Structure formats: C-alpha cells, structure tokens
PDB file of all heavy atoms in Angstrom:
ATOM      1  N   ARG A   1      -2.081 -22.408  11.137  1.00  0.00           N
ATOM      2  CA  ARG A   1      -1.150 -23.308  10.463  1.00  0.00           C
ATOM      3  C   ARG A   1       0.282 -23.075  10.952  1.00  0.00           C
ATOM      4  O   ARG A   1       0.645 -21.958  11.330  1.00  0.00           O
ATOM      5  CB  ARG A   1      -1.243 -23.118   8.945  1.00  0.00           C
ATOM      6  CG  ARG A   1      -2.588 -23.567   8.379  1.00  0.00           C
ATOM      7  CD  ARG A   1      -2.563 -23.686   6.874  1.00  0.00           C
ATOM      8  NE  ARG A   1      -2.628 -22.400   6.207  1.00  0.00           N
ATOM      9  CZ  ARG A   1      -3.739 -21.823   5.767  1.00  0.00           C
ATOM     10  NH1 ARG A   1      -4.910 -22.408   5.955  1.00  0.00           N
ATOM     11  NH2 ARG A   1      -3.700 -20.660   5.151  1.00  0.00           N
ATOM     12  N   PRO A   2       1.127 -24.120  10.914  1.00  0.00           N
ATOM     13  CA  PRO A   2       2.507 -23.972  11.397  1.00  0.00           C
ATOM     14  C   PRO A   2       3.336 -23.083  10.480  1.00  0.00           C
ATOM     15  O   PRO A   2       3.198 -23.139   9.249  1.00  0.00           O
ATOM     16  CB  PRO A   2       3.036 -25.408  11.409  1.00  0.00           C
ATOM     17  CG  PRO A   2       2.199 -26.141  10.408  1.00  0.00           C
ATOM     18  CD  PRO A   2       0.835 -25.503  10.479  1.00  0.00           C
ATOM     19  N   ILE A   3       4.207 -22.275  11.067  1.00  0.00           N
ATOM     20  CA  ILE A   3       5.027 -21.353  10.286  1.00  0.00           C
ATOM     21  C   ILE A   3       5.984 -22.106   9.362  1.00  0.00           C
ATOM     22  O   ILE A   3       6.214 -21.686   8.217  1.00  0.00           O
ATOM     23  CB  ILE A   3       5.796 -20.405  11.225  1.00  0.00           C
ATOM     24  CG1 ILE A   3       4.810 -19.430  11.876  1.00  0.00           C
ATOM     25  CG2 ILE A   3       6.891 -19.644  10.470  1.00  0.00           C
ATOM     26  CD1 ILE A   3       5.421 -18.582  12.976  1.00  0.00           C
ATOM     27  N   LEU A   4       6.531 -23.234   9.819  1.00  0.00           N
ATOM     28  CA  LEU A   4       7.466 -23.993   8.983  1.00  0.00           C
ATOM     29  C   LEU A   4       6.770 -24.634   7.792  1.00  0.00           C
ATOM     30  O   LEU A   4       7.408 -24.890   6.765  1.00  0.00           O
ATOM     31  CB  LEU A   4       8.163 -25.071   9.805  1.00  0.00           C
ATOM     32  CG  LEU A   4       9.035 -24.609  10.973  1.00  0.00           C
ATOM     33  CD1 LEU A   4       9.724 -25.811  11.615  1.00  0.00           C
ATOM     34  CD2 LEU A   4      10.064 -23.594  10.523  1.00  0.00           C
ATOM     35  N   GLY A   5       5.478 -24.894   7.915  1.00  0.00           N
ATOM     36  CA  GLY A   5       4.741 -25.557   6.861  1.00  0.00           C
ATOM     37  C   GLY A   5       4.953 -27.065   6.900  1.00  0.00           C
ATOM     38  O   GLY A   5       5.904 -27.560   7.507  1.00  0.00           O
ATOM     39  N   PRO A   6       4.081 -27.816   6.248  1.00  0.00           N
ATOM     40  CA  PRO A   6       4.251 -29.270   6.196  1.00  0.00           C
ATOM     41  C   PRO A   6       5.340 -29.643   5.192  1.00  0.00           C
ATOM     42  O   PRO A   6       5.556 -28.945   4.196  1.00  0.00           O
ATOM     43  CB  PRO A   6       2.875 -29.764   5.733  1.00  0.00           C
ATOM     44  CG  PRO A   6       2.308 -28.622   4.947  1.00  0.00           C
ATOM     45  CD  PRO A   6       2.836 -27.371   5.577  1.00  0.00           C
ATOM     46  N   ALA A   7       6.014 -30.754   5.452  1.00  0.00           N
ATOM     47  CA  ALA A   7       7.131 -31.179   4.601  1.00  0.00           C
ATOM     48  C   ALA A   7       6.705 -31.332   3.146  1.00  0.00           C
ATOM     49  O   ALA A   7       7.458 -30.973   2.231  1.00  0.00           O
ATOM     50  CB  ALA A   7       7.707 -32.481   5.132  1.00  0.00           C
ATOM     51  N   GLU A   8       5.489 -31.836   2.903  1.00  0.00           N
ATOM     52  CA  GLU A   8       5.070 -32.064   1.517  1.00  0.00           C
ATOM     53  C   GLU A   8       4.949 -30.771   0.723  1.00  0.00           C
ATOM     54  O   GLU A   8       5.192 -30.752  -0.496  1.00  0.00           O
ATOM     55  CB  GLU A   8       3.752 -32.851   1.469  1.00  0.00           C
ATOM     56  CG  GLU A   8       2.560 -32.210   2.157  1.00  0.00           C
ATOM     57  CD  GLU A   8       2.439 -32.601   3.619  1.00  0.00           C
ATOM     58  OE1 GLU A   8       3.447 -33.032   4.218  1.00  0.00           O
ATOM     59  OE2 GLU A   8       1.323 -32.465   4.173  1.00  0.00           O
ATOM     60  N   ARG A   9       4.597 -29.671   1.390  1.00  0.00           N
ATOM     61  CA  ARG A   9       4.522 -28.396   0.672  1.00  0.00           C
ATOM     62  C   ARG A   9       5.923 -27.821   0.462  1.00  0.00           C
ATOM     63  O   ARG A   9       6.231 -27.281  -0.602  1.00  0.00           O
ATOM     64  CB  ARG A   9       3.646 -27.402   1.436  1.00  0.00           C
ATOM     65  CG  ARG A   9       2.195 -27.828   1.501  1.00  0.00           C
ATOM     66  CD  ARG A   9       1.252 -26.645   1.543  1.00  0.00           C
ATOM     67  NE  ARG A   9      -0.128 -27.095   1.704  1.00  0.00           N
ATOM     68  CZ  ARG A   9      -0.906 -27.499   0.717  1.00  0.00           C
ATOM     69  NH1 ARG A   9      -0.435 -27.518  -0.516  1.00  0.00           N
ATOM     70  NH2 ARG A   9      -2.143 -27.887   0.949  1.00  0.00           N
ATOM     71  N   VAL A  10       6.746 -27.917   1.483  1.00  0.00           N
ATOM     72  CA  VAL A  10       8.123 -27.426   1.361  1.00  0.00           C
ATOM     73  C   VAL A  10       8.844 -28.144   0.225  1.00  0.00           C
ATOM     74  O   VAL A  10       9.633 -27.537  -0.517  1.00  0.00           O
ATOM     75  CB  VAL A  10       8.874 -27.604   2.696  1.00  0.00           C
ATOM     76  CG1 VAL A  10      10.365 -27.304   2.535  1.00  0.00           C
ATOM     77  CG2 VAL A  10       8.262 -26.692   3.760  1.00  0.00           C
ATOM     78  N   GLN A  11       8.565 -29.428   0.046  1.00  0.00           N
ATOM     79  CA  GLN A  11       9.196 -30.200  -1.026  1.00  0.00           C
ATOM     80  C   GLN A  11       8.764 -29.736  -2.411  1.00  0.00           C
ATOM     81  O   GLN A  11       9.463 -29.992  -3.396  1.00  0.00           O
ATOM     82  CB  GLN A  11       8.874 -31.683  -0.843  1.00  0.00           C
ATOM     83  CG  GLN A  11       9.605 -32.316   0.333  1.00  0.00           C
ATOM     84  CD  GLN A  11       9.100 -33.712   0.663  1.00  0.00           C
ATOM     85  OE1 GLN A  11       7.972 -34.067   0.336  1.00  0.00           O
ATOM     86  NE2 GLN A  11       9.927 -34.502   1.334  1.00  0.00           N
ATOM     87  N   ALA A  12       7.636 -29.014  -2.488  1.00  0.00           N
ATOM     88  CA  ALA A  12       7.090 -28.647  -3.798  1.00  0.00           C
ATOM     89  C   ALA A  12       7.374 -27.202  -4.210  1.00  0.00           C
ATOM     90  O   ALA A  12       7.193 -26.848  -5.375  1.00  0.00           O
ATOM     91  CB  ALA A  12       5.577 -28.879  -3.798  1.00  0.00           C
ATOM     92  N   PHE A  13       7.801 -26.352  -3.286  1.00  0.00           N
ATOM     93  CA  PHE A  13       8.005 -24.945  -3.632  1.00  0.00           C
ATOM     94  C   PHE A  13       9.094 -24.784  -4.688  1.00  0.00           C
ATOM     95  O   PHE A  13      10.142 -25.441  -4.637  1.00  0.00           O
ATOM     96  CB  PHE A  13       8.383 -24.127  -2.398  1.00  0.00           C
ATOM     97  CG  PHE A  13       7.262 -23.960  -1.404  1.00  0.00           C
ATOM     98  CD1 PHE A  13       7.527 -23.981  -0.037  1.00  0.00           C
ATOM     99  CD2 PHE A  13       5.959 -23.775  -1.818  1.00  0.00           C
ATOM    100  CE1 PHE A  13       6.508 -23.824   0.887  1.00  0.00           C
ATOM    101  CE2 PHE A  13       4.928 -23.620  -0.907  1.00  0.00           C
ATOM    102  CZ  PHE A  13       5.200 -23.644   0.454  1.00  0.00           C
ATOM    103  N   ALA A  14       8.852 -23.874  -5.635  1.00  0.00           N
ATOM    104  CA  ALA A  14       9.806 -23.604  -6.704  1.00  0.00           C
ATOM    105  C   ALA A  14      10.104 -22.114  -6.766  1.00  0.00           C
ATOM    106  O   ALA A  14       9.532 -21.307  -6.020  1.00  0.00           O
ATOM    107  CB  ALA A  14       9.250 -24.105  -8.038  1.00  0.00           C
ATOM    108  N   GLN A  15      10.995 -21.747  -7.671  1.00  0.00           N
ATOM    109  CA  GLN A  15      11.433 -20.359  -7.824  1.00  0.00           C
ATOM    110  C   GLN A  15      10.247 -19.410  -8.000  1.00  0.00           C
ATOM    111  O   GLN A  15      10.189 -18.335  -7.412  1.00  0.00           O
ATOM    112  CB  GLN A  15      12.378 -20.265  -9.013  1.00  0.00           C
ATOM    113  CG  GLN A  15      13.030 -18.905  -9.193  1.00  0.00           C
ATOM    114  CD  GLN A  15      13.932 -18.886 -10.419  1.00  0.00           C
ATOM    115  OE1 GLN A  15      13.490 -19.171 -11.537  1.00  0.00           O
ATOM    116  NE2 GLN A  15      15.209 -18.576 -10.218  1.00  0.00           N
ATOM    117  N   GLY A  16       9.279 -19.817  -8.819  1.00  0.00           N
ATOM    118  CA  GLY A  16       8.126 -18.963  -9.084  1.00  0.00           C
ATOM    119  C   GLY A  16       7.268 -18.719  -7.856  1.00  0.00           C
ATOM    120  O   GLY A  16       6.682 -17.637  -7.707  1.00  0.00           O
ATOM    121  N   ASP A  17       7.192 -19.703  -6.971  1.00  0.00           N
ATOM    122  CA  ASP A  17       6.409 -19.541  -5.735  1.00  0.00           C
ATOM    123  C   ASP A  17       7.039 -18.475  -4.838  1.00  0.00           C
ATOM    124  O   ASP A  17       6.338 -17.640  -4.247  1.00  0.00           O
ATOM    125  CB  ASP A  17       6.326 -20.867  -4.980  1.00  0.00           C
ATOM    126  CG  ASP A  17       5.651 -21.952  -5.790  1.00  0.00           C
ATOM    127  OD1 ASP A  17       4.534 -21.715  -6.275  1.00  0.00           O
ATOM    128  OD2 ASP A  17       6.256 -23.026  -5.947  1.00  0.00           O
ATOM    129  N   LEU A  18       8.362 -18.512  -4.721  1.00  0.00           N
ATOM    130  CA  LEU A  18       9.072 -17.534  -3.892  1.00  0.00           C
ATOM    131  C   LEU A  18       8.929 -16.131  -4.474  1.00  0.00           C
ATOM    132  O   LEU A  18       8.591 -15.181  -3.762  1.00  0.00           O
ATOM    133  CB  LEU A  18      10.546 -17.921  -3.789  1.00  0.00           C
ATOM    134  CG  LEU A  18      10.832 -19.241  -3.060  1.00  0.00           C
ATOM    135  CD1 LEU A  18      12.241 -19.714  -3.367  1.00  0.00           C
ATOM    136  CD2 LEU A  18      10.646 -19.084  -1.565  1.00  0.00           C
ATOM    137  N   ALA A  19       9.178 -15.996  -5.767  1.00  0.00           N
ATOM    138  CA  ALA A  19       9.070 -14.687  -6.416  1.00  0.00           C
ATOM    139  C   ALA A  19       7.642 -14.161  -6.342  1.00  0.00           C
ATOM    140  O   ALA A  19       7.411 -12.954  -6.159  1.00  0.00           O
ATOM    141  CB  ALA A  19       9.531 -14.787  -7.868  1.00  0.00           C
ATOM    142  N   GLY A  20       6.664 -15.065  -6.444  1.00  0.00           N
ATOM    143  CA  GLY A  20       5.270 -14.642  -6.385  1.00  0.00           C
ATOM    144  C   GLY A  20       4.888 -14.091  -5.028  1.00  0.00           C
ATOM    145  O   GLY A  20       4.141 -13.101  -4.935  1.00  0.00           O
ATOM    146  N   PHE A  21       5.398 -14.699  -3.944  1.00  0.00           N
ATOM    147  CA  PHE A  21       5.085 -14.199  -2.604  1.00  0.00           C
ATOM    148  C   PHE A  21       5.720 -12.829  -2.388  1.00  0.00           C
ATOM    149  O   PHE A  21       5.119 -11.937  -1.777  1.00  0.00           O
ATOM    150  CB  PHE A  21       5.571 -15.184  -1.540  1.00  0.00           C
ATOM    151  CG  PHE A  21       5.020 -14.914  -0.168  1.00  0.00           C
ATOM    152  CD1 PHE A  21       3.754 -15.329   0.187  1.00  0.00           C
ATOM    153  CD2 PHE A  21       5.773 -14.220   0.777  1.00  0.00           C
ATOM    154  CE1 PHE A  21       3.229 -15.082   1.450  1.00  0.00           C
ATOM    155  CE2 PHE A  21       5.263 -13.964   2.043  1.00  0.00           C
ATOM    156  CZ  PHE A  21       3.993 -14.392   2.387  1.00  0.00           C
ATOM    157  N   VAL A  22       6.939 -12.640  -2.904  1.00  0.00           N
ATOM    158  CA  VAL A  22       7.590 -11.328  -2.819  1.00  0.00           C
ATOM    159  C   VAL A  22       6.756 -10.289  -3.550  1.00  0.00           C
ATOM    160  O   VAL A  22       6.471  -9.198  -3.029  1.00  0.00           O
ATOM    161  CB  VAL A  22       9.014 -11.387  -3.412  1.00  0.00           C
ATOM    162  CG1 VAL A  22       9.586  -9.974  -3.571  1.00  0.00           C
ATOM    163  CG2 VAL A  22       9.926 -12.206  -2.515  1.00  0.00           C
ATOM    164  N   ASP A  23       6.341 -10.593  -4.776  1.00  0.00           N
ATOM    165  CA  ASP A  23       5.557  -9.640  -5.564  1.00  0.00           C
ATOM    166  C   ASP A  23       4.234  -9.307  -4.885  1.00  0.00           C
ATOM    167  O   ASP A  23       3.736  -8.183  -4.979  1.00  0.00           O
ATOM    168  CB  ASP A  23       5.288 -10.220  -6.955  1.00  0.00           C
ATOM    169  CG  ASP A  23       6.541 -10.251  -7.822  1.00  0.00           C
ATOM    170  OD1 ASP A  23       7.504  -9.527  -7.501  1.00  0.00           O
ATOM    171  OD2 ASP A  23       6.560 -11.015  -8.810  1.00  0.00           O
ATOM    172  N   GLU A  24       3.678 -10.293  -4.189  1.00  0.00           N
ATOM    173  CA  GLU A  24       2.368 -10.116  -3.569  1.00  0.00           C
ATOM    174  C   GLU A  24       2.430  -9.336  -2.264  1.00  0.00           C
ATOM    175  O   GLU A  24       1.503  -8.580  -1.940  1.00  0.00           O
ATOM    176  CB  GLU A  24       1.756 -11.494  -3.319  1.00  0.00           C
ATOM    177  CG  GLU A  24       0.286 -11.471  -2.942  1.00  0.00           C
ATOM    178  CD  GLU A  24      -0.315 -12.866  -2.856  1.00  0.00           C
ATOM    179  OE1 GLU A  24       0.353 -13.837  -3.266  1.00  0.00           O
ATOM    180  OE2 GLU A  24      -1.452 -12.987  -2.367  1.00  0.00           O
ATOM    181  N   HIS A  25       3.522  -9.484  -1.510  1.00  0.00           N
ATOM    182  CA  HIS A  25       3.535  -8.954  -0.147  1.00  0.00           C
ATOM    183  C   HIS A  25       4.691  -8.016   0.204  1.00  0.00           C
ATOM    184  O   HIS A  25       4.620  -7.319   1.217  1.00  0.00           O
ATOM    185  CB  HIS A  25       3.540 -10.110   0.857  1.00  0.00           C
ATOM    186  CG  HIS A  25       2.299 -10.940   0.823  1.00  0.00           C
ATOM    187  ND1 HIS A  25       1.088 -10.493   1.299  1.00  0.00           N
ATOM    188  CD2 HIS A  25       2.081 -12.193   0.344  1.00  0.00           C
ATOM    189  CE1 HIS A  25       0.176 -11.433   1.135  1.00  0.00           C
ATOM    190  NE2 HIS A  25       0.749 -12.473   0.553  1.00  0.00           N
ATOM    191  N   TYR A  26       5.754  -7.997  -0.578  1.00  0.00           N
ATOM    192  CA  TYR A  26       6.926  -7.206  -0.198  1.00  0.00           C
ATOM    193  C   TYR A  26       6.912  -5.828  -0.853  1.00  0.00           C
ATOM    194  O   TYR A  26       7.888  -5.392  -1.464  1.00  0.00           O
ATOM    195  CB  TYR A  26       8.213  -7.970  -0.546  1.00  0.00           C
ATOM    196  CG  TYR A  26       8.634  -8.988   0.503  1.00  0.00           C
ATOM    197  CD1 TYR A  26       7.694  -9.804   1.133  1.00  0.00           C
ATOM    198  CD2 TYR A  26       9.960  -9.150   0.867  1.00  0.00           C
ATOM    199  CE1 TYR A  26       8.063 -10.735   2.085  1.00  0.00           C
ATOM    200  CE2 TYR A  26      10.349 -10.090   1.818  1.00  0.00           C
ATOM    201  CZ  TYR A  26       9.393 -10.879   2.415  1.00  0.00           C
ATOM    202  OH  TYR A  26       9.776 -11.798   3.364  1.00  0.00           O
ATOM    203  N   GLY A  27       5.797  -5.121  -0.713  1.00  0.00           N
ATOM    204  CA  GLY A  27       5.694  -3.756  -1.211  1.00  0.00           C
ATOM    205  C   GLY A  27       6.240  -2.762  -0.199  1.00  0.00           C
ATOM    206  O   GLY A  27       6.336  -3.063   0.999  1.00  0.00           O
ATOM    207  N   PRO A  28       6.593  -1.550  -0.625  1.00  0.00           N
ATOM    208  CA  PRO A  28       7.183  -0.566   0.300  1.00  0.00           C
ATOM    209  C   PRO A  28       6.260  -0.164   1.435  1.00  0.00           C
ATOM    210  O   PRO A  28       6.714   0.159   2.532  1.00  0.00           O
ATOM    211  CB  PRO A  28       7.510   0.624  -0.612  1.00  0.00           C
ATOM    212  CG  PRO A  28       6.621   0.461  -1.805  1.00  0.00           C
ATOM    213  CD  PRO A  28       6.481  -1.017  -1.991  1.00  0.00           C
ATOM    214  N   ASP A  29       4.941  -0.198   1.199  1.00  0.00           N
ATOM    215  CA  ASP A  29       3.988   0.164   2.248  1.00  0.00           C
ATOM    216  C   ASP A  29       3.880  -0.905   3.324  1.00  0.00           C
ATOM    217  O   ASP A  29       3.294  -0.664   4.383  1.00  0.00           O
ATOM    218  CB  ASP A  29       2.608   0.417   1.638  1.00  0.00           C
ATOM    219  CG  ASP A  29       2.081  -0.783   0.866  1.00  0.00           C
ATOM    220  OD1 ASP A  29       2.883  -1.427   0.159  1.00  0.00           O
ATOM    221  OD2 ASP A  29       0.877  -1.076   0.953  1.00  0.00           O
ATOM    222  N   ARG A  30       4.462  -2.089   3.079  1.00  0.00           N
ATOM    223  CA  ARG A  30       4.456  -3.165   4.078  1.00  0.00           C
ATOM    224  C   ARG A  30       5.798  -3.251   4.806  1.00  0.00           C
ATOM    225  O   ARG A  30       5.992  -4.132   5.638  1.00  0.00           O
ATOM    226  CB  ARG A  30       4.178  -4.518   3.392  1.00  0.00           C
ATOM    227  CG  ARG A  30       2.886  -4.581   2.600  1.00  0.00           C
ATOM    228  CD  ARG A  30       1.685  -4.824   3.479  1.00  0.00           C
ATOM    229  NE  ARG A  30       1.700  -6.126   4.109  1.00  0.00           N
ATOM    230  CZ  ARG A  30       1.310  -7.254   3.513  1.00  0.00           C
ATOM    231  NH1 ARG A  30       0.891  -7.246   2.259  1.00  0.00           N
ATOM    232  NH2 ARG A  30       1.322  -8.400   4.175  1.00  0.00           N
ATOM    233  N   MET A  31       6.730  -2.358   4.479  1.00  0.00           N
ATOM    234  CA  MET A  31       8.079  -2.417   5.034  1.00  0.00           C
ATOM    235  C   MET A  31       8.316  -1.310   6.050  1.00  0.00           C
ATOM    236  O   MET A  31       7.914  -0.157   5.834  1.00  0.00           O
ATOM    237  CB  MET A  31       9.121  -2.295   3.920  1.00  0.00           C
ATOM    238  CG  MET A  31       9.116  -3.442   2.939  1.00  0.00           C
ATOM    239  SD  MET A  31      10.417  -3.251   1.685  1.00  0.00           S
ATOM    240  CE  MET A  31      10.271  -4.824   0.813  1.00  0.00           C
ATOM    241  N   ILE A  32       8.975  -1.659   7.139  1.00  0.00           N
ATOM    242  CA  ILE A  32       9.343  -0.698   8.180  1.00  0.00           C
ATOM    243  C   ILE A  32      10.831  -0.869   8.461  1.00  0.00           C
ATOM    244  O   ILE A  32      11.271  -1.950   8.859  1.00  0.00           O
ATOM    245  CB  ILE A  32       8.541  -0.931   9.467  1.00  0.00           C
ATOM    246  CG1 ILE A  32       7.043  -0.812   9.202  1.00  0.00           C
ATOM    247  CG2 ILE A  32       8.984   0.043  10.567  1.00  0.00           C
ATOM    248  CD1 ILE A  32       6.181  -1.427  10.286  1.00  0.00           C
ATOM    249  N   PHE A  33      11.593   0.182   8.235  1.00  0.00           N
ATOM    250  CA  PHE A  33      13.007   0.160   8.588  1.00  0.00           C
ATOM    251  C   PHE A  33      13.130   0.732   9.999  1.00  0.00           C
ATOM    252  O   PHE A  33      12.689   1.852  10.265  1.00  0.00           O
ATOM    253  CB  PHE A  33      13.846   0.995   7.612  1.00  0.00           C
ATOM    254  CG  PHE A  33      15.312   0.992   7.937  1.00  0.00           C
ATOM    255  CD1 PHE A  33      16.163   0.080   7.349  1.00  0.00           C
ATOM    256  CD2 PHE A  33      15.839   1.881   8.863  1.00  0.00           C
ATOM    257  CE1 PHE A  33      17.514   0.043   7.673  1.00  0.00           C
ATOM    258  CE2 PHE A  33      17.183   1.867   9.194  1.00  0.00           C
ATOM    259  CZ  PHE A  33      18.027   0.939   8.594  1.00  0.00           C
ATOM    260  N   ALA A  34      13.719  -0.035  10.895  1.00  0.00           N
ATOM    261  CA  ALA A  34      13.899   0.414  12.275  1.00  0.00           C
ATOM    262  C   ALA A  34      15.361   0.290  12.658  1.00  0.00           C
ATOM    263  O   ALA A  34      16.037  -0.675  12.287  1.00  0.00           O
ATOM    264  CB  ALA A  34      13.036  -0.406  13.229  1.00  0.00           C
ATOM    265  N   ALA A  35      15.855   1.293  13.396  1.00  0.00           N
ATOM    266  CA  ALA A  35      17.248   1.268  13.843  1.00  0.00           C
ATOM    267  C   ALA A  35      17.348   1.930  15.205  1.00  0.00           C
ATOM    268  O   ALA A  35      16.653   2.915  15.487  1.00  0.00           O
ATOM    269  CB  ALA A  35      18.151   1.993  12.842  1.00  0.00           C
ATOM    270  N   ALA A  36      18.223   1.399  16.047  1.00  0.00           N
ATOM    271  CA  ALA A  36      18.441   1.960  17.378  1.00  0.00           C
ATOM    272  C   ALA A  36      19.907   1.833  17.734  1.00  0.00           C
ATOM    273  O   ALA A  36      20.606   0.928  17.287  1.00  0.00           O
ATOM    274  CB  ALA A  36      17.579   1.240  18.411  1.00  0.00           C
ATOM    275  N   GLY A  37      20.366   2.777  18.554  1.00  0.00           N
ATOM    276  CA  GLY A  37      21.766   2.792  18.970  1.00  0.00           C
ATOM    277  C   GLY A  37      22.431   4.070  18.528  1.00  0.00           C
ATOM    278  O   GLY A  37      21.865   5.164  18.663  1.00  0.00           O
ATOM    279  N   ALA A  38      23.621   3.940  17.952  1.00  0.00           N
ATOM    280  CA  ALA A  38      24.396   5.109  17.513  1.00  0.00           C
ATOM    281  C   ALA A  38      23.934   5.546  16.124  1.00  0.00           C
ATOM    282  O   ALA A  38      24.678   5.465  15.141  1.00  0.00           O
ATOM    283  CB  ALA A  38      25.881   4.772  17.513  1.00  0.00           C
ATOM    284  N   VAL A  39      22.701   6.001  16.047  1.00  0.00           N
ATOM    285  CA  VAL A  39      22.105   6.311  14.748  1.00  0.00           C
ATOM    286  C   VAL A  39      22.103   7.815  14.479  1.00  0.00           C
ATOM    287  O   VAL A  39      21.999   8.632  15.386  1.00  0.00           O
ATOM    288  CB  VAL A  39      20.660   5.776  14.654  1.00  0.00           C
ATOM    289  CG1 VAL A  39      20.640   4.266  14.815  1.00  0.00           C
ATOM    290  CG2 VAL A  39      19.751   6.422  15.688  1.00  0.00           C
ATOM    291  N   ASP A  40      22.202   8.146  13.197  1.00  0.00           N
ATOM    292  CA  ASP A  40      22.018   9.505  12.693  1.00  0.00           C
ATOM    293  C   ASP A  40      20.794   9.431  11.780  1.00  0.00           C
ATOM    294  O   ASP A  40      20.870   8.886  10.677  1.00  0.00           O
ATOM    295  CB  ASP A  40      23.259   9.948  11.923  1.00  0.00           C
ATOM    296  CG  ASP A  40      23.137  11.355  11.349  1.00  0.00           C
ATOM    297  OD1 ASP A  40      22.006  11.773  11.019  1.00  0.00           O
ATOM    298  OD2 ASP A  40      24.175  12.035  11.203  1.00  0.00           O
ATOM    299  N   HIS A  41      19.663   9.944  12.239  1.00  0.00           N
ATOM    300  CA  HIS A  41      18.413   9.767  11.502  1.00  0.00           C
ATOM    301  C   HIS A  41      18.491  10.337  10.093  1.00  0.00           C
ATOM    302  O   HIS A  41      18.040   9.689   9.134  1.00  0.00           O
ATOM    303  CB  HIS A  41      17.252  10.418  12.258  1.00  0.00           C
ATOM    304  CG  HIS A  41      15.919  10.216  11.588  1.00  0.00           C
ATOM    305  ND1 HIS A  41      15.230   9.019  11.637  1.00  0.00           N
ATOM    306  CD2 HIS A  41      15.159  11.063  10.818  1.00  0.00           C
ATOM    307  CE1 HIS A  41      14.099   9.126  10.960  1.00  0.00           C
ATOM    308  NE2 HIS A  41      14.037  10.349  10.448  1.00  0.00           N
ATOM    309  N   ASP A  42      19.051  11.517   9.946  1.00  0.00           N
ATOM    310  CA  ASP A  42      19.115  12.124   8.613  1.00  0.00           C
ATOM    311  C   ASP A  42      19.944  11.284   7.656  1.00  0.00           C
ATOM    312  O   ASP A  42      19.583  11.116   6.482  1.00  0.00           O
ATOM    313  CB  ASP A  42      19.693  13.544   8.707  1.00  0.00           C
ATOM    314  CG  ASP A  42      18.759  14.498   9.432  1.00  0.00           C
ATOM    315  OD1 ASP A  42      17.539  14.206   9.492  1.00  0.00           O
ATOM    316  OD2 ASP A  42      19.241  15.526   9.951  1.00  0.00           O
TER     317      ASP A  42
END
C-alpha cells in the first residue's frame, strides 16, 4: 500500500486515530536514538 495513503482515508483520520497509532507502536523498545559527529556518548 502507498505510504501517503488514499485521499479518502486521510480525510477521515481524527485525533483518536493518531493517538491510537502512537499507543500501539511508539514504545521504547521500538525506538532507536542515533547520533554521529561531535558527540559525547556519556
């Protein structure tokens, strides 16, 4: 399926849909913080 989604679905998304996707997928075990350059790891 296309990443942008079809216009008819985009027209229907509401606040609860966005919050629900965050609750479902944005857990700490799914997150990777990456940094490069003038970094101090500690």
